[in-house]
PDB file of N, CA and C in Angstrom:
ATOM      1  N   MET A   1     -42.458 -40.385 -89.727  1.00  0.00           N
ATOM      2  CA  MET A   1     -42.190 -41.036 -88.482  1.00  0.00           C
ATOM      3  C   MET A   1     -40.764 -41.589 -88.556  1.00  0.00           C
ATOM      4  N   GLY A   2     -40.041 -41.353 -87.485  1.00  0.00           N
ATOM      5  CA  GLY A   2     -38.667 -41.828 -87.441  1.00  0.00           C
ATOM      6  C   GLY A   2     -38.567 -43.312 -87.131  1.00  0.00           C
ATOM      7  N   ILE A   3     -37.428 -43.884 -87.457  1.00  0.00           N
ATOM      8  CA  ILE A   3     -37.198 -45.306 -87.220  1.00  0.00           C
ATOM      9  C   ILE A   3     -37.300 -45.637 -85.735  1.00  0.00           C
ATOM     10  N   SER A   4     -36.775 -44.769 -84.882  1.00  0.00           N
ATOM     11  CA  SER A   4     -36.819 -44.991 -83.434  1.00  0.00           C
ATOM     12  C   SER A   4     -38.259 -45.056 -82.934  1.00  0.00           C
ATOM     13  N   HIS A   5     -39.079 -44.114 -83.393  1.00  0.00           N
ATOM     14  CA  HIS A   5     -40.491 -44.067 -82.998  1.00  0.00           C
ATOM     15  C   HIS A   5     -41.204 -45.340 -83.449  1.00  0.00           C
ATOM     16  N   TYR A   6     -40.982 -45.733 -84.689  1.00  0.00           N
ATOM     17  CA  TYR A   6     -41.601 -46.942 -85.241  1.00  0.00           C
ATOM     18  C   TYR A   6     -41.162 -48.177 -84.464  1.00  0.00           C
ATOM     19  N   SER A   7     -39.891 -48.251 -84.146  1.00  0.00           N
ATOM     20  CA  SER A   7     -39.356 -49.390 -83.407  1.00  0.00           C
ATOM     21  C   SER A   7     -40.010 -49.516 -82.032  1.00  0.00           C
ATOM     22  N   LYS A   8     -40.211 -48.393 -81.350  1.00  0.00           N
ATOM     23  CA  LYS A   8     -40.847 -48.415 -80.033  1.00  0.00           C
ATOM     24  C   LYS A   8     -42.294 -48.899 -80.128  1.00  0.00           C
ATOM     25  N   ILE A   9     -43.001 -48.526 -81.191  1.00  0.00           N
ATOM     26  CA  ILE A   9     -44.375 -48.992 -81.385  1.00  0.00           C
ATOM     27  C   ILE A   9     -44.367 -50.502 -81.611  1.00  0.00           C
ATOM     28  N   GLU A  10     -43.465 -50.980 -82.466  1.00  0.00           N
ATOM     29  CA  GLU A  10     -43.384 -52.418 -82.748  1.00  0.00           C
ATOM     30  C   GLU A  10     -43.046 -53.233 -81.506  1.00  0.00           C
ATOM     31  N   ASN A  11     -42.195 -52.696 -80.639  1.00  0.00           N
ATOM     32  CA  ASN A  11     -41.756 -53.416 -79.444  1.00  0.00           C
ATOM     33  C   ASN A  11     -42.688 -53.238 -78.257  1.00  0.00           C
ATOM     34  N   GLY A  12     -43.788 -52.500 -78.431  1.00  0.00           N
ATOM     35  CA  GLY A  12     -44.755 -52.313 -77.364  1.00  0.00           C
ATOM     36  C   GLY A  12     -44.347 -51.304 -76.314  1.00  0.00           C
ATOM     37  N   GLN A  13     -43.321 -50.515 -76.592  1.00  0.00           N
ATOM     38  CA  GLN A  13     -42.867 -49.497 -75.650  1.00  0.00           C
ATOM     39  C   GLN A  13     -43.640 -48.194 -75.794  1.00  0.00           C
ATOM     40  N   ARG A  14     -44.385 -48.078 -76.873  1.00  0.00           N
ATOM     41  CA  ARG A  14     -45.148 -46.861 -77.156  1.00  0.00           C
ATOM     42  C   ARG A  14     -46.396 -47.237 -77.936  1.00  0.00           C
ATOM     43  N   GLU A  15     -47.488 -46.530 -77.685  1.00  0.00           N
ATOM     44  CA  GLU A  15     -48.744 -46.756 -78.399  1.00  0.00           C
ATOM     45  C   GLU A  15     -48.824 -45.829 -79.610  1.00  0.00           C
ATOM     46  N   ALA A  16     -49.411 -46.322 -80.678  1.00  0.00           N
ATOM     47  CA  ALA A  16     -49.628 -45.496 -81.866  1.00  0.00           C
ATOM     48  C   ALA A  16     -50.826 -44.590 -81.618  1.00  0.00           C
ATOM     49  N   SER A  17     -50.722 -43.339 -82.033  1.00  0.00           N
ATOM     50  CA  SER A  17     -51.826 -42.397 -81.857  1.00  0.00           C
ATOM     51  C   SER A  17     -52.915 -42.661 -82.894  1.00  0.00           C
ATOM     52  N   VAL A  18     -54.087 -42.145 -82.627  1.00  0.00           N
ATOM     53  CA  VAL A  18     -55.197 -42.280 -83.571  1.00  0.00           C
ATOM     54  C   VAL A  18     -54.835 -41.598 -84.884  1.00  0.00           C
ATOM     55  N   GLN A  19     -54.152 -40.472 -84.802  1.00  0.00           N
ATOM     56  CA  GLN A  19     -53.752 -39.751 -86.016  1.00  0.00           C
ATOM     57  C   GLN A  19     -52.799 -40.603 -86.858  1.00  0.00           C
ATOM     58  N   LEU A  20     -51.870 -41.281 -86.208  1.00  0.00           N
ATOM     59  CA  LEU A  20     -50.937 -42.142 -86.937  1.00  0.00           C
ATOM     60  C   LEU A  20     -51.674 -43.317 -87.562  1.00  0.00           C
ATOM     61  N   LEU A  21     -52.571 -43.937 -86.797  1.00  0.00           N
ATOM     62  CA  LEU A  21     -53.352 -45.053 -87.338  1.00  0.00           C
ATOM     63  C   LEU A  21     -54.182 -44.614 -88.535  1.00  0.00           C
ATOM     64  N   ASP A  22     -54.739 -43.400 -88.471  1.00  0.00           N
ATOM     65  CA  ASP A  22     -55.537 -42.874 -89.576  1.00  0.00           C
ATOM     66  C   ASP A  22     -54.665 -42.693 -90.822  1.00  0.00           C
ATOM     67  N   LYS A  23     -53.475 -42.155 -90.646  1.00  0.00           N
ATOM     68  CA  LYS A  23     -52.561 -41.963 -91.782  1.00  0.00           C
ATOM     69  C   LYS A  23     -52.157 -43.294 -92.399  1.00  0.00           C
ATOM     70  N   LEU A  24     -51.850 -44.278 -91.548  1.00  0.00           N
ATOM     71  CA  LEU A  24     -51.478 -45.598 -92.057  1.00  0.00           C
ATOM     72  C   LEU A  24     -52.636 -46.252 -92.802  1.00  0.00           C
ATOM     73  N   ALA A  25     -53.835 -46.132 -92.243  1.00  0.00           N
ATOM     74  CA  ALA A  25     -55.012 -46.721 -92.885  1.00  0.00           C
ATOM     75  C   ALA A  25     -55.242 -46.106 -94.265  1.00  0.00           C
ATOM     76  N   LYS A  26     -55.128 -44.797 -94.348  1.00  0.00           N
ATOM     77  CA  LYS A  26     -55.311 -44.126 -95.640  1.00  0.00           C
ATOM     78  C   LYS A  26     -54.223 -44.542 -96.626  1.00  0.00           C
ATOM     79  N   PHE A  27     -52.985 -44.643 -96.150  1.00  0.00           N
ATOM     80  CA  PHE A  27     -51.863 -45.015 -97.012  1.00  0.00           C
ATOM     81  C   PHE A  27     -52.059 -46.407 -97.602  1.00  0.00           C
ATOM     82  N   TYR A  28     -52.500 -47.361 -96.767  1.00  0.00           N
ATOM     83  CA  TYR A  28     -52.667 -48.739 -97.216  1.00  0.00           C
ATOM     84  C   TYR A  28     -54.061 -49.036 -97.778  1.00  0.00           C
ATOM     85  N   GLY A  29     -54.966 -48.047 -97.724  1.00  0.00           N
ATOM     86  CA  GLY A  29     -56.301 -48.238 -98.283  1.00  0.00           C
ATOM     87  C   GLY A  29     -57.149 -49.206 -97.475  1.00  0.00           C
ATOM     88  N   ILE A  30     -56.969 -49.188 -96.140  1.00  0.00           N
ATOM     89  CA  ILE A  30     -57.744 -50.049 -95.256  1.00  0.00           C
ATOM     90  C   ILE A  30     -58.310 -49.190 -94.126  1.00  0.00           C
ATOM     91  N   THR A  31     -59.080 -49.791 -93.237  1.00  0.00           N
ATOM     92  CA  THR A  31     -59.652 -49.043 -92.127  1.00  0.00           C
ATOM     93  C   THR A  31     -58.769 -49.165 -90.888  1.00  0.00           C
ATOM     94  N   ILE A  32     -58.958 -48.244 -89.952  1.00  0.00           N
ATOM     95  CA  ILE A  32     -58.230 -48.316 -88.681  1.00  0.00           C
ATOM     96  C   ILE A  32     -58.570 -49.625 -87.981  1.00  0.00           C
ATOM     97  N   ASP A  33     -59.819 -50.056 -88.061  1.00  0.00           N
ATOM     98  CA  ASP A  33     -60.243 -51.304 -87.435  1.00  0.00           C
ATOM     99  C   ASP A  33     -59.447 -52.481 -87.976  1.00  0.00           C
ATOM    100  N   GLN A  34     -59.174 -52.481 -89.262  1.00  0.00           N
ATOM    101  CA  GLN A  34     -58.388 -53.560 -89.850  1.00  0.00           C
ATOM    102  C   GLN A  34     -56.951 -53.535 -89.332  1.00  0.00           C
ATOM    103  N   ILE A  35     -56.410 -52.365 -89.051  1.00  0.00           N
ATOM    104  CA  ILE A  35     -55.058 -52.271 -88.486  1.00  0.00           C
ATOM    105  C   ILE A  35     -55.056 -52.785 -87.051  1.00  0.00           C
ATOM    106  N   VAL A  36     -56.019 -52.355 -86.267  1.00  0.00           N
ATOM    107  CA  VAL A  36     -56.079 -52.712 -84.847  1.00  0.00           C
ATOM    108  C   VAL A  36     -56.352 -54.199 -84.662  1.00  0.00           C
ATOM    109  N   HIS A  37     -57.170 -54.789 -85.531  1.00  0.00           N
ATOM    110  CA  HIS A  37     -57.570 -56.188 -85.397  1.00  0.00           C
ATOM    111  C   HIS A  37     -56.955 -57.047 -86.500  1.00  0.00           C
ATOM    112  N   MET A  38     -55.680 -56.862 -86.779  1.00  0.00           N
ATOM    113  CA  MET A  38     -55.019 -57.579 -87.870  1.00  0.00           C
ATOM    114  C   MET A  38     -55.072 -59.095 -87.702  1.00  0.00           C
ATOM    115  N   ASP A  39     -54.949 -59.604 -86.473  1.00  0.00           N
ATOM    116  CA  ASP A  39     -54.875 -61.049 -86.255  1.00  0.00           C
ATOM    117  C   ASP A  39     -56.219 -61.695 -85.955  1.00  0.00           C
ATOM    118  N   SER A  40     -57.244 -60.894 -85.765  1.00  0.00           N
ATOM    119  CA  SER A  40     -58.550 -61.465 -85.439  1.00  0.00           C
ATOM    120  C   SER A  40     -59.537 -61.180 -86.562  1.00  0.00           C
ATOM    121  N   GLU A  41     -60.701 -61.777 -86.425  1.00  0.00           N
ATOM    122  CA  GLU A  41     -61.729 -61.590 -87.434  1.00  0.00           C
ATOM    123  C   GLU A  41     -62.260 -60.160 -87.379  1.00  0.00           C
ATOM    124  N   ILE A  42     -62.354 -59.540 -88.503  1.00  0.00           N
ATOM    125  CA  ILE A  42     -62.841 -58.166 -88.591  1.00  0.00           C
ATOM    126  C   ILE A  42     -64.357 -58.184 -88.485  1.00  0.00           C
ATOM    127  N   PRO A  43     -64.927 -57.319 -87.657  1.00  0.00           N
ATOM    128  CA  PRO A  43     -66.393 -57.288 -87.534  1.00  0.00           C
ATOM    129  C   PRO A  43     -67.061 -57.038 -88.879  1.00  0.00           C
ATOM    130  N   THR A  44     -68.210 -57.627 -89.061  1.00  0.00           N
ATOM    131  CA  THR A  44     -68.972 -57.456 -90.288  1.00  0.00           C
ATOM    132  C   THR A  44     -69.599 -56.071 -90.326  1.00  0.00           C
ATOM    133  N   GLU A  45     -69.533 -55.449 -91.479  1.00  0.00           N
ATOM    134  CA  GLU A  45     -70.122 -54.121 -91.628  1.00  0.00           C
ATOM    135  C   GLU A  45     -71.641 -54.239 -91.568  1.00  0.00           C
ATOM    136  N   ILE A  46     -72.265 -53.306 -90.853  1.00  0.00           N
ATOM    137  CA  ILE A  46     -73.723 -53.301 -90.768  1.00  0.00           C
ATOM    138  C   ILE A  46     -74.264 -52.074 -91.473  1.00  0.00           C
ATOM    139  N   THR A  47     -75.513 -52.160 -91.921  1.00  0.00           N
ATOM    140  CA  THR A  47     -76.166 -51.034 -92.584  1.00  0.00           C
ATOM    141  C   THR A  47     -77.396 -50.653 -91.768  1.00  0.00           C
ATOM    142  N   LEU A  48     -77.479 -49.383 -91.422  1.00  0.00           N
ATOM    143  CA  LEU A  48     -78.641 -48.882 -90.693  1.00  0.00           C
ATOM    144  C   LEU A  48     -79.655 -48.365 -91.699  1.00  0.00           C
ATOM    145  N   GLU A  49     -80.904 -48.731 -91.491  1.00  0.00           N
ATOM    146  CA  GLU A  49     -81.960 -48.301 -92.398  1.00  0.00           C
ATOM    147  C   GLU A  49     -83.005 -47.525 -91.618  1.00  0.00           C
ATOM    148  N   ASP A  50     -83.625 -46.557 -92.270  1.00  0.00           N
ATOM    149  CA  ASP A  50     -84.724 -45.819 -91.648  1.00  0.00           C
ATOM    150  C   ASP A  50     -85.936 -46.726 -91.544  1.00  0.00           C
ATOM    151  N   LYS A  51     -86.596 -46.694 -90.414  1.00  0.00           N
ATOM    152  CA  LYS A  51     -87.797 -47.491 -90.223  1.00  0.00           C
ATOM    153  C   LYS A  51     -89.030 -46.629 -90.461  1.00  0.00           C
ATOM    154  N   THR A  52     -90.086 -47.291 -90.853  1.00  0.00           N
ATOM    155  CA  THR A  52     -91.334 -46.562 -91.045  1.00  0.00           C
ATOM    156  C   THR A  52     -91.867 -46.146 -89.673  1.00  0.00           C
ATOM    157  N   ALA A  53     -92.830 -45.270 -89.650  1.00  0.00           N
ATOM    158  CA  ALA A  53     -93.404 -44.782 -88.383  1.00  0.00           C
ATOM    159  C   ALA A  53     -93.952 -45.928 -87.548  1.00  0.00           C
ATOM    160  N   ASN A  54     -94.613 -46.912 -88.191  1.00  0.00           N
ATOM    161  CA  ASN A  54     -95.164 -48.077 -87.462  1.00  0.00           C
ATOM    162  C   ASN A  54     -94.067 -48.900 -86.814  1.00  0.00           C
ATOM    163  N   GLU A  55     -92.963 -49.098 -87.469  1.00  0.00           N
ATOM    164  CA  GLU A  55     -91.873 -49.892 -86.930  1.00  0.00           C
ATOM    165  C   GLU A  55     -91.178 -49.193 -85.762  1.00  0.00           C
ATOM    166  N   GLN A  56     -91.160 -47.877 -85.774  1.00  0.00           N
ATOM    167  CA  GLN A  56     -90.510 -47.118 -84.723  1.00  0.00           C
ATOM    168  C   GLN A  56     -91.283 -47.172 -83.410  1.00  0.00           C
ATOM    169  N   VAL A  57     -92.611 -47.371 -83.508  1.00  0.00           N
ATOM    170  CA  VAL A  57     -93.469 -47.394 -82.305  1.00  0.00           C
ATOM    171  C   VAL A  57     -93.451 -48.720 -81.696  1.00  0.00           C
TER     172      VAL A  57
END
């Protein structure tokens, strides 16, 4: 990414693409969500579990 492109993103003149956010997240070892929500609280990770047949009904 060129300096001009980066500068426009920083100044709010251009939006970062999902592909760029993905590359940055991988480079820094964080998630896209952490990049997007840098100043706010990051949502807590949830775990989905399979329910038994009785619980599903």
